[in-house]
All heavy atoms as atom14 arrays in JSON, in Angstrom:
{
  "sequence": "RYFWWLVLFGWGFPTLFTLIWILAKFYFEDTACWDINQGSPYWWL",
  "atom14_mask": [
    [1, 1, 1, 1, 1, 1, 1, 1, 1, 1, 1, 0, 0, 0],
    [1, 1, 1, 1, 1, 1, 1, 1, 1, 1, 1, 1, 0, 0],
    [1, 1, 1, 1, 1, 1, 1, 1, 1, 1, 1, 0, 0, 0],
    [1, 1, 1, 1, 1, 1, 1, 1, 1, 1, 1, 1, 1, 1],
    [1, 1, 1, 1, 1, 1, 1, 1, 1, 1, 1, 1, 1, 1],
    [1, 1, 1, 1, 1, 1, 1, 1, 0, 0, 0, 0, 0, 0],
    [1, 1, 1, 1, 1, 1, 1, 0, 0, 0, 0, 0, 0, 0],
    [1, 1, 1, 1, 1, 1, 1, 1, 0, 0, 0, 0, 0, 0],
    [1, 1, 1, 1, 1, 1, 1, 1, 1, 1, 1, 0, 0, 0],
    [1, 1, 1, 1, 0, 0, 0, 0, 0, 0, 0, 0, 0, 0],
    [1, 1, 1, 1, 1, 1, 1, 1, 1, 1, 1, 1, 1, 1],
    [1, 1, 1, 1, 0, 0, 0, 0, 0, 0, 0, 0, 0, 0],
    [1, 1, 1, 1, 1, 1, 1, 1, 1, 1, 1, 0, 0, 0],
    [1, 1, 1, 1, 1, 1, 1, 0, 0, 0, 0, 0, 0, 0],
    [1, 1, 1, 1, 1, 1, 1, 0, 0, 0, 0, 0, 0, 0],
    [1, 1, 1, 1, 1, 1, 1, 1, 0, 0, 0, 0, 0, 0],
    [1, 1, 1, 1, 1, 1, 1, 1, 1, 1, 1, 0, 0, 0],
    [1, 1, 1, 1, 1, 1, 1, 0, 0, 0, 0, 0, 0, 0],
    [1, 1, 1, 1, 1, 1, 1, 1, 0, 0, 0, 0, 0, 0],
    [1, 1, 1, 1, 1, 1, 1, 1, 0, 0, 0, 0, 0, 0],
    [1, 1, 1, 1, 1, 1, 1, 1, 1, 1, 1, 1, 1, 1],
    [1, 1, 1, 1, 1, 1, 1, 1, 0, 0, 0, 0, 0, 0],
    [1, 1, 1, 1, 1, 1, 1, 1, 0, 0, 0, 0, 0, 0],
    [1, 1, 1, 1, 1, 0, 0, 0, 0, 0, 0, 0, 0, 0],
    [1, 1, 1, 1, 1, 1, 1, 1, 1, 0, 0, 0, 0, 0],
    [1, 1, 1, 1, 1, 1, 1, 1, 1, 1, 1, 0, 0, 0],
    [1, 1, 1, 1, 1, 1, 1, 1, 1, 1, 1, 1, 0, 0],
    [1, 1, 1, 1, 1, 1, 1, 1, 1, 1, 1, 0, 0, 0],
    [1, 1, 1, 1, 1, 1, 1, 1, 1, 0, 0, 0, 0, 0],
    [1, 1, 1, 1, 1, 1, 1, 1, 0, 0, 0, 0, 0, 0],
    [1, 1, 1, 1, 1, 1, 1, 0, 0, 0, 0, 0, 0, 0],
    [1, 1, 1, 1, 1, 0, 0, 0, 0, 0, 0, 0, 0, 0],
    [1, 1, 1, 1, 1, 1, 0, 0, 0, 0, 0, 0, 0, 0],
    [1, 1, 1, 1, 1, 1, 1, 1, 1, 1, 1, 1, 1, 1],
    [1, 1, 1, 1, 1, 1, 1, 1, 0, 0, 0, 0, 0, 0],
    [1, 1, 1, 1, 1, 1, 1, 1, 0, 0, 0, 0, 0, 0],
    [1, 1, 1, 1, 1, 1, 1, 1, 0, 0, 0, 0, 0, 0],
    [1, 1, 1, 1, 1, 1, 1, 1, 1, 0, 0, 0, 0, 0],
    [1, 1, 1, 1, 0, 0, 0, 0, 0, 0, 0, 0, 0, 0],
    [1, 1, 1, 1, 1, 1, 0, 0, 0, 0, 0, 0, 0, 0],
    [1, 1, 1, 1, 1, 1, 1, 0, 0, 0, 0, 0, 0, 0],
    [1, 1, 1, 1, 1, 1, 1, 1, 1, 1, 1, 1, 0, 0],
    [1, 1, 1, 1, 1, 1, 1, 1, 1, 1, 1, 1, 1, 1],
    [1, 1, 1, 1, 1, 1, 1, 1, 1, 1, 1, 1, 1, 1],
    [1, 1, 1, 1, 1, 1, 1, 1, 0, 0, 0, 0, 0, 0]
  ],
  "atom14_positions": [
    [[-21.44, 9.04, -17.37], [-20.2, 9.12, -18.09], [-19.18, 9.87, -17.34], [-18.02, 9.58, -17.3], [-20.4, 9.67, -19.46], [-19.23, 9.68, -20.36], [-19.5, 10.27, -21.73], [-19.85, 11.68, -21.56], [-20.14, 12.41, -22.52], [-20.4, 11.94, -23.76], [-20.43, 13.72, -22.36], [0.0, 0.0, 0.0], [0.0, 0.0, 0.0], [0.0, 0.0, 0.0]],
    [[-19.71, 10.92, -16.67], [-18.79, 11.82, -15.88], [-18.25, 11.09, -14.61], [-17.26, 11.52, -14.02], [-19.47, 13.07, -15.52], [-19.91, 13.91, -16.67], [-21.1, 14.66, -16.57], [-19.04, 14.12, -17.88], [-21.51, 15.4, -17.74], [-19.45, 14.91, -18.85], [-20.71, 15.53, -18.81], [-21.08, 16.28, -19.9], [0.0, 0.0, 0.0], [0.0, 0.0, 0.0]],
    [[-18.97, 10.05, -14.18], [-18.74, 9.55, -12.85], [-17.27, 9.09, -12.67], [-16.69, 9.47, -11.68], [-19.63, 8.28, -12.68], [-19.34, 7.47, -11.39], [-19.65, 7.99, -10.16], [-18.72, 6.25, -11.44], [-19.35, 7.31, -9.0], [-18.38, 5.55, -10.38], [-18.69, 6.1, -9.09], [0.0, 0.0, 0.0], [0.0, 0.0, 0.0], [0.0, 0.0, 0.0]],
    [[-16.7, 8.38, -13.56], [-15.34, 7.85, -13.42], [-14.28, 8.97, -13.41], [-13.28, 8.95, -12.75], [-14.96, 6.75, -14.43], [-15.84, 5.5, -14.13], [-16.85, 5.06, -14.91], [-15.69, 4.64, -13.04], [-17.36, 3.88, -14.38], [-16.62, 3.63, -13.23], [-14.77, 4.56, -11.92], [-16.73, 2.58, -12.33], [-14.91, 3.58, -11.03], [-15.91, 2.57, -11.26]],
    [[-14.54, 10.01, -14.22], [-13.7, 11.19, -14.19], [-13.73, 11.83, -12.79], [-12.63, 12.27, -12.35], [-14.07, 12.18, -15.33], [-13.76, 11.67, -16.64], [-14.59, 11.24, -17.59], [-12.37, 11.59, -17.21], [-13.89, 10.88, -18.77], [-12.54, 11.06, -18.56], [-11.12, 11.93, -16.77], [-11.49, 10.86, -19.31], [-10.04, 11.72, -17.61], [-10.21, 11.23, -18.93]],
    [[-14.82, 11.92, -12.25], [-14.94, 12.57, -10.88], [-14.32, 11.69, -9.81], [-13.72, 12.27, -8.89], [-16.44, 12.71, -10.6], [-17.24, 13.72, -11.41], [-18.7, 13.74, -11.1], [-16.67, 15.09, -11.27], [0.0, 0.0, 0.0], [0.0, 0.0, 0.0], [0.0, 0.0, 0.0], [0.0, 0.0, 0.0], [0.0, 0.0, 0.0], [0.0, 0.0, 0.0]],
    [[-14.42, 10.31, -9.97], [-13.71, 9.5, -9.04], [-12.15, 9.67, -9.14], [-11.49, 9.73, -8.18], [-14.06, 7.97, -9.37], [-13.13, 7.01, -8.56], [-15.55, 7.67, -9.03], [0.0, 0.0, 0.0], [0.0, 0.0, 0.0], [0.0, 0.0, 0.0], [0.0, 0.0, 0.0], [0.0, 0.0, 0.0], [0.0, 0.0, 0.0], [0.0, 0.0, 0.0]],
    [[-11.74, 9.77, -10.39], [-10.25, 9.97, -10.56], [-9.86, 11.33, -10.02], [-8.74, 11.38, -9.28], [-9.89, 10.02, -12.04], [-8.47, 10.22, -12.44], [-7.63, 9.16, -11.9], [-8.38, 10.37, -13.92], [0.0, 0.0, 0.0], [0.0, 0.0, 0.0], [0.0, 0.0, 0.0], [0.0, 0.0, 0.0], [0.0, 0.0, 0.0], [0.0, 0.0, 0.0]],
    [[-10.66, 12.42, -10.08], [-10.43, 13.65, -9.58], [-10.5, 13.66, -8.02], [-9.55, 14.13, -7.37], [-11.43, 14.7, -9.98], [-11.35, 16.03, -9.34], [-10.33, 16.94, -9.64], [-12.22, 16.29, -8.33], [-10.28, 18.18, -8.96], [-12.12, 17.53, -7.65], [-11.29, 18.44, -8.05], [0.0, 0.0, 0.0], [0.0, 0.0, 0.0], [0.0, 0.0, 0.0]],
    [[-11.41, 13.0, -7.42], [-11.58, 12.88, -5.93], [-10.49, 12.28, -5.25], [-10.08, 12.75, -4.15], [0.0, 0.0, 0.0], [0.0, 0.0, 0.0], [0.0, 0.0, 0.0], [0.0, 0.0, 0.0], [0.0, 0.0, 0.0], [0.0, 0.0, 0.0], [0.0, 0.0, 0.0], [0.0, 0.0, 0.0], [0.0, 0.0, 0.0], [0.0, 0.0, 0.0]],
    [[-9.86, 11.22, -5.89], [-8.63, 10.61, -5.23], [-7.31, 11.11, -5.7], [-6.36, 11.13, -5.06], [-8.77, 9.09, -5.27], [-9.92, 8.49, -4.59], [-11.04, 7.99, -5.06], [-10.06, 8.3, -3.18], [-11.93, 7.54, -4.11], [-11.27, 7.74, -2.93], [-9.27, 8.7, -2.11], [-11.75, 7.43, -1.62], [-9.61, 8.33, -0.82], [-10.92, 7.81, -0.55]],
    [[-7.35, 11.35, -7.09], [-5.99, 11.75, -7.68], [-5.57, 13.14, -7.41], [-4.38, 13.32, -7.22], [0.0, 0.0, 0.0], [0.0, 0.0, 0.0], [0.0, 0.0, 0.0], [0.0, 0.0, 0.0], [0.0, 0.0, 0.0], [0.0, 0.0, 0.0], [0.0, 0.0, 0.0], [0.0, 0.0, 0.0], [0.0, 0.0, 0.0], [0.0, 0.0, 0.0]],
    [[-6.41, 14.15, -7.42], [-6.09, 15.45, -7.08], [-5.42, 15.57, -5.8], [-4.29, 16.19, -5.66], [-7.27, 16.38, -7.24], [-6.98, 17.89, -7.2], [-6.46, 18.39, -8.46], [-7.08, 18.64, -6.11], [-6.17, 19.8, -8.48], [-6.76, 19.93, -6.11], [-6.31, 20.59, -7.32], [0.0, 0.0, 0.0], [0.0, 0.0, 0.0], [0.0, 0.0, 0.0]],
    [[-5.98, 15.1, -4.66], [-5.29, 15.17, -3.33], [-4.01, 14.45, -3.33], [-3.0, 14.84, -2.72], [-6.26, 14.49, -2.4], [-7.58, 14.69, -2.98], [-7.3, 14.58, -4.56], [0.0, 0.0, 0.0], [0.0, 0.0, 0.0], [0.0, 0.0, 0.0], [0.0, 0.0, 0.0], [0.0, 0.0, 0.0], [0.0, 0.0, 0.0], [0.0, 0.0, 0.0]],
    [[-3.89, 13.26, -4.07], [-2.68, 12.42, -4.15], [-1.56, 13.23, -4.69], [-0.39, 13.25, -4.26], [-2.91, 11.12, -4.94], [-4.0, 10.32, -4.35], [-1.59, 10.37, -4.96], [0.0, 0.0, 0.0], [0.0, 0.0, 0.0], [0.0, 0.0, 0.0], [0.0, 0.0, 0.0], [0.0, 0.0, 0.0], [0.0, 0.0, 0.0], [0.0, 0.0, 0.0]],
    [[-1.83, 13.94, -5.79], [-0.76, 14.73, -6.48], [-0.17, 15.89, -5.62], [0.97, 15.88, -5.47], [-1.46, 15.35, -7.74], [-0.54, 16.33, -8.55], [0.65, 15.66, -9.09], [-1.29, 16.99, -9.61], [0.0, 0.0, 0.0], [0.0, 0.0, 0.0], [0.0, 0.0, 0.0], [0.0, 0.0, 0.0], [0.0, 0.0, 0.0], [0.0, 0.0, 0.0]],
    [[-1.1, 16.57, -5.0], [-0.61, 17.73, -4.11], [0.04, 17.19, -2.87], [1.0, 17.81, -2.3], [-1.73, 18.68, -3.84], [-2.01, 19.62, -4.87], [-2.84, 19.35, -6.01], [-1.35, 20.91, -4.86], [-3.05, 20.28, -7.0], [-1.6, 21.84, -5.93], [-2.45, 21.43, -6.98], [0.0, 0.0, 0.0], [0.0, 0.0, 0.0], [0.0, 0.0, 0.0]],
    [[-0.39, 16.09, -2.36], [0.16, 15.53, -1.13], [1.52, 15.05, -1.46], [2.46, 15.25, -0.7], [-0.63, 14.31, -0.56], [-1.99, 14.89, -0.35], [-0.05, 13.84, 0.71], [0.0, 0.0, 0.0], [0.0, 0.0, 0.0], [0.0, 0.0, 0.0], [0.0, 0.0, 0.0], [0.0, 0.0, 0.0], [0.0, 0.0, 0.0], [0.0, 0.0, 0.0]],
    [[1.81, 14.4, -2.63], [3.13, 14.02, -2.99], [4.07, 15.13, -3.22], [5.21, 15.11, -2.79], [2.97, 13.13, -4.33], [2.44, 11.77, -4.17], [2.25, 11.06, -5.49], [3.24, 10.81, -3.26], [0.0, 0.0, 0.0], [0.0, 0.0, 0.0], [0.0, 0.0, 0.0], [0.0, 0.0, 0.0], [0.0, 0.0, 0.0], [0.0, 0.0, 0.0]],
    [[3.53, 16.21, -3.8], [4.41, 17.41, -3.99], [4.73, 17.98, -2.64], [5.88, 18.38, -2.33], [3.67, 18.49, -4.84], [3.45, 17.94, -6.25], [4.41, 19.76, -4.88], [2.57, 18.83, -7.11], [0.0, 0.0, 0.0], [0.0, 0.0, 0.0], [0.0, 0.0, 0.0], [0.0, 0.0, 0.0], [0.0, 0.0, 0.0], [0.0, 0.0, 0.0]],
    [[3.83, 17.96, -1.68], [4.1, 18.5, -0.31], [5.09, 17.68, 0.39], [6.01, 18.19, 1.08], [2.8, 18.57, 0.46], [2.98, 19.04, 1.83], [3.13, 20.32, 2.29], [2.9, 18.18, 3.03], [3.16, 20.37, 3.75], [3.13, 19.04, 4.19], [2.8, 16.86, 3.29], [3.12, 18.57, 5.48], [2.88, 16.37, 4.53], [3.01, 17.24, 5.66]],
    [[5.01, 16.28, 0.19], [5.99, 15.4, 0.82], [7.39, 15.63, 0.4], [8.34, 15.77, 1.13], [5.52, 13.92, 0.61], [4.28, 13.56, 1.28], [6.66, 12.98, 0.98], [3.77, 12.14, 0.87], [0.0, 0.0, 0.0], [0.0, 0.0, 0.0], [0.0, 0.0, 0.0], [0.0, 0.0, 0.0], [0.0, 0.0, 0.0], [0.0, 0.0, 0.0]],
    [[7.5, 15.8, -1.02], [8.89, 16.12, -1.61], [9.41, 17.4, -1.05], [10.58, 17.54, -0.78], [8.74, 16.14, -3.09], [8.44, 14.83, -3.71], [8.15, 14.89, -5.28], [9.59, 13.84, -3.52], [0.0, 0.0, 0.0], [0.0, 0.0, 0.0], [0.0, 0.0, 0.0], [0.0, 0.0, 0.0], [0.0, 0.0, 0.0], [0.0, 0.0, 0.0]],
    [[8.51, 18.49, -1.01], [8.93, 19.8, -0.45], [9.34, 19.73, 1.02], [10.47, 20.31, 1.31], [7.82, 20.79, -0.62], [0.0, 0.0, 0.0], [0.0, 0.0, 0.0], [0.0, 0.0, 0.0], [0.0, 0.0, 0.0], [0.0, 0.0, 0.0], [0.0, 0.0, 0.0], [0.0, 0.0, 0.0], [0.0, 0.0, 0.0], [0.0, 0.0, 0.0]],
    [[8.67, 18.99, 1.83], [9.02, 18.9, 3.21], [10.3, 18.08, 3.34], [11.28, 18.42, 4.1], [7.94, 18.14, 3.97], [6.67, 18.96, 4.08], [6.84, 20.24, 4.9], [6.82, 19.86, 6.41], [6.78, 21.01, 7.29], [0.0, 0.0, 0.0], [0.0, 0.0, 0.0], [0.0, 0.0, 0.0], [0.0, 0.0, 0.0], [0.0, 0.0, 0.0]],
    [[10.47, 16.96, 2.64], [11.62, 16.13, 2.7], [12.9, 16.84, 2.3], [13.95, 16.65, 2.94], [11.44, 14.85, 1.8], [12.57, 13.91, 1.91], [12.64, 13.07, 2.94], [13.54, 13.8, 0.88], [13.71, 12.1, 3.05], [14.59, 12.88, 0.97], [14.63, 12.03, 2.01], [0.0, 0.0, 0.0], [0.0, 0.0, 0.0], [0.0, 0.0, 0.0]],
    [[12.83, 17.63, 1.22], [14.11, 18.24, 0.65], [14.34, 19.7, 1.2], [15.64, 20.12, 1.34], [14.07, 18.38, -0.82], [14.25, 16.98, -1.54], [13.15, 16.32, -2.03], [15.47, 16.41, -1.59], [13.35, 15.15, -2.78], [15.67, 15.21, -2.25], [14.54, 14.5, -2.74], [14.74, 13.3, -3.39], [0.0, 0.0, 0.0], [0.0, 0.0, 0.0]],
    [[13.32, 20.46, 1.7], [13.53, 21.8, 2.07], [13.05, 22.11, 3.56], [13.55, 23.15, 4.03], [12.77, 22.73, 1.18], [13.12, 22.53, -0.29], [12.07, 22.02, -1.16], [14.3, 22.8, -0.82], [12.41, 21.83, -2.48], [14.63, 22.7, -2.16], [13.57, 22.09, -2.98], [0.0, 0.0, 0.0], [0.0, 0.0, 0.0], [0.0, 0.0, 0.0]],
    [[12.29, 21.24, 4.25], [11.79, 21.5, 5.52], [11.63, 20.26, 6.33], [10.58, 20.1, 6.88], [10.6, 22.37, 5.34], [10.21, 23.2, 6.61], [8.98, 24.02, 6.35], [7.87, 23.45, 6.4], [9.11, 25.32, 6.15], [0.0, 0.0, 0.0], [0.0, 0.0, 0.0], [0.0, 0.0, 0.0], [0.0, 0.0, 0.0], [0.0, 0.0, 0.0]],
    [[12.64, 19.44, 6.43], [12.58, 18.25, 7.08], [12.79, 18.4, 8.62], [13.91, 18.06, 9.08], [13.63, 17.22, 6.5], [13.32, 15.78, 6.96], [12.24, 15.56, 7.61], [14.22, 14.91, 6.74], [0.0, 0.0, 0.0], [0.0, 0.0, 0.0], [0.0, 0.0, 0.0], [0.0, 0.0, 0.0], [0.0, 0.0, 0.0], [0.0, 0.0, 0.0]],
    [[11.82, 18.93, 9.24], [11.98, 19.33, 10.7], [10.84, 18.62, 11.44], [9.77, 18.47, 11.03], [11.96, 20.82, 10.95], [10.65, 21.31, 10.51], [13.04, 21.49, 10.32], [0.0, 0.0, 0.0], [0.0, 0.0, 0.0], [0.0, 0.0, 0.0], [0.0, 0.0, 0.0], [0.0, 0.0, 0.0], [0.0, 0.0, 0.0], [0.0, 0.0, 0.0]],
    [[11.15, 18.09, 12.7], [10.28, 17.47, 13.58], [9.4, 16.41, 12.81], [9.98, 15.55, 12.11], [9.28, 18.55, 14.24], [0.0, 0.0, 0.0], [0.0, 0.0, 0.0], [0.0, 0.0, 0.0], [0.0, 0.0, 0.0], [0.0, 0.0, 0.0], [0.0, 0.0, 0.0], [0.0, 0.0, 0.0], [0.0, 0.0, 0.0], [0.0, 0.0, 0.0]],
    [[8.08, 16.43, 13.14], [7.23, 15.31, 12.44], [6.4, 15.89, 11.35], [5.33, 15.31, 10.99], [6.36, 14.75, 13.58], [7.14, 13.32, 14.41], [0.0, 0.0, 0.0], [0.0, 0.0, 0.0], [0.0, 0.0, 0.0], [0.0, 0.0, 0.0], [0.0, 0.0, 0.0], [0.0, 0.0, 0.0], [0.0, 0.0, 0.0], [0.0, 0.0, 0.0]],
    [[6.87, 16.97, 10.7], [6.04, 17.62, 9.61], [4.75, 18.14, 10.11], [3.86, 18.33, 9.27], [5.93, 16.68, 8.43], [7.3, 16.29, 7.79], [8.53, 16.67, 8.15], [7.39, 15.32, 6.64], [9.44, 16.08, 7.34], [8.71, 15.31, 6.42], [6.56, 14.59, 5.86], [9.26, 14.51, 5.32], [7.05, 13.89, 4.85], [8.39, 13.84, 4.6]],
    [[4.56, 18.21, 11.35], [3.25, 18.7, 11.91], [3.31, 20.17, 12.25], [2.28, 20.64, 12.74], [2.76, 17.85, 13.16], [3.83, 17.94, 14.27], [5.06, 18.09, 13.98], [3.53, 17.93, 15.48], [0.0, 0.0, 0.0], [0.0, 0.0, 0.0], [0.0, 0.0, 0.0], [0.0, 0.0, 0.0], [0.0, 0.0, 0.0], [0.0, 0.0, 0.0]],
    [[4.38, 20.82, 12.03], [4.56, 22.24, 12.31], [4.53, 23.05, 11.02], [5.45, 22.86, 10.28], [5.87, 22.48, 13.09], [5.87, 21.75, 14.51], [6.03, 23.94, 13.4], [7.1, 21.73, 15.24], [0.0, 0.0, 0.0], [0.0, 0.0, 0.0], [0.0, 0.0, 0.0], [0.0, 0.0, 0.0], [0.0, 0.0, 0.0], [0.0, 0.0, 0.0]],
    [[3.47, 23.84, 10.78], [3.36, 24.49, 9.53], [3.29, 25.96, 9.63], [3.08, 26.65, 8.63], [2.05, 24.02, 8.83], [2.05, 22.47, 8.62], [2.9, 22.03, 7.79], [1.16, 21.72, 9.27], [0.0, 0.0, 0.0], [0.0, 0.0, 0.0], [0.0, 0.0, 0.0], [0.0, 0.0, 0.0], [0.0, 0.0, 0.0], [0.0, 0.0, 0.0]],
    [[3.5, 26.47, 10.89], [3.51, 27.92, 11.07], [4.56, 28.65, 10.24], [5.77, 28.32, 10.47], [3.67, 28.18, 12.61], [3.52, 29.69, 12.97], [3.6, 29.98, 14.38], [3.83, 28.96, 15.13], [3.59, 31.11, 14.89], [0.0, 0.0, 0.0], [0.0, 0.0, 0.0], [0.0, 0.0, 0.0], [0.0, 0.0, 0.0], [0.0, 0.0, 0.0]],
    [[4.12, 29.55, 9.39], [5.16, 30.27, 8.6], [5.76, 29.47, 7.39], [6.69, 30.0, 6.83], [0.0, 0.0, 0.0], [0.0, 0.0, 0.0], [0.0, 0.0, 0.0], [0.0, 0.0, 0.0], [0.0, 0.0, 0.0], [0.0, 0.0, 0.0], [0.0, 0.0, 0.0], [0.0, 0.0, 0.0], [0.0, 0.0, 0.0], [0.0, 0.0, 0.0]],
    [[5.29, 28.29, 7.19], [5.87, 27.46, 6.1], [5.1, 27.8, 4.71], [3.9, 27.59, 4.7], [5.66, 26.04, 6.43], [6.03, 25.22, 5.29], [0.0, 0.0, 0.0], [0.0, 0.0, 0.0], [0.0, 0.0, 0.0], [0.0, 0.0, 0.0], [0.0, 0.0, 0.0], [0.0, 0.0, 0.0], [0.0, 0.0, 0.0], [0.0, 0.0, 0.0]],
    [[5.82, 28.13, 3.67], [5.18, 28.33, 2.38], [4.62, 27.05, 1.82], [3.78, 27.14, 0.98], [6.31, 28.95, 1.58], [7.55, 28.36, 2.17], [7.31, 28.32, 3.76], [0.0, 0.0, 0.0], [0.0, 0.0, 0.0], [0.0, 0.0, 0.0], [0.0, 0.0, 0.0], [0.0, 0.0, 0.0], [0.0, 0.0, 0.0], [0.0, 0.0, 0.0]],
    [[5.26, 25.94, 2.18], [4.83, 24.67, 1.6], [3.41, 24.24, 2.03], [2.81, 23.35, 1.51], [5.93, 23.53, 1.86], [7.3, 23.92, 1.48], [8.31, 24.32, 2.38], [7.61, 24.26, 0.08], [9.58, 24.65, 2.03], [8.82, 24.61, -0.22], [9.82, 24.85, 0.67], [11.04, 25.33, 0.3], [0.0, 0.0, 0.0], [0.0, 0.0, 0.0]],
    [[3.02, 24.78, 3.18], [1.67, 24.5, 3.78], [0.58, 24.88, 2.75], [-0.46, 24.23, 2.78], [1.49, 25.23, 5.1], [0.24, 24.99, 5.75], [-0.65, 25.85, 6.28], [-0.38, 23.62, 6.03], [-1.67, 25.26, 6.9], [-1.62, 23.82, 6.79], [-0.05, 22.36, 5.83], [-2.46, 22.91, 7.16], [-0.92, 21.34, 6.23], [-2.06, 21.56, 6.89]],
    [[0.89, 25.78, 1.84], [-0.16, 26.15, 0.85], [-0.37, 25.0, -0.12], [-1.44, 25.08, -0.79], [0.21, 27.44, 0.15], [0.03, 28.68, 1.0], [1.05, 29.39, 1.67], [-1.18, 29.3, 1.12], [0.41, 30.38, 2.38], [-0.98, 30.46, 2.02], [-2.46, 29.1, 0.76], [-1.98, 31.3, 2.48], [-3.47, 30.0, 1.05], [-3.17, 31.12, 1.95]],
    [[0.47, 24.1, -0.2], [0.25, 22.92, -1.12], [-0.91, 22.13, -0.58], [-1.54, 21.38, -1.42], [1.53, 22.16, -1.16], [2.7, 22.7, -1.96], [3.92, 21.89, -1.79], [2.41, 22.8, -3.48], [0.0, 0.0, 0.0], [0.0, 0.0, 0.0], [0.0, 0.0, 0.0], [0.0, 0.0, 0.0], [0.0, 0.0, 0.0], [0.0, 0.0, 0.0]]
  ]
}
């Protein structure tokens, strides 16, 4: 019974935080190829 909830967590949790990180980079730190995270507070997402 827990299986499908775990599947949703395994794919959904990373999707949520990755989308938030994308929005943060796009609006506040849209530099280079987004591969530079030194000193970036959004990297904690």
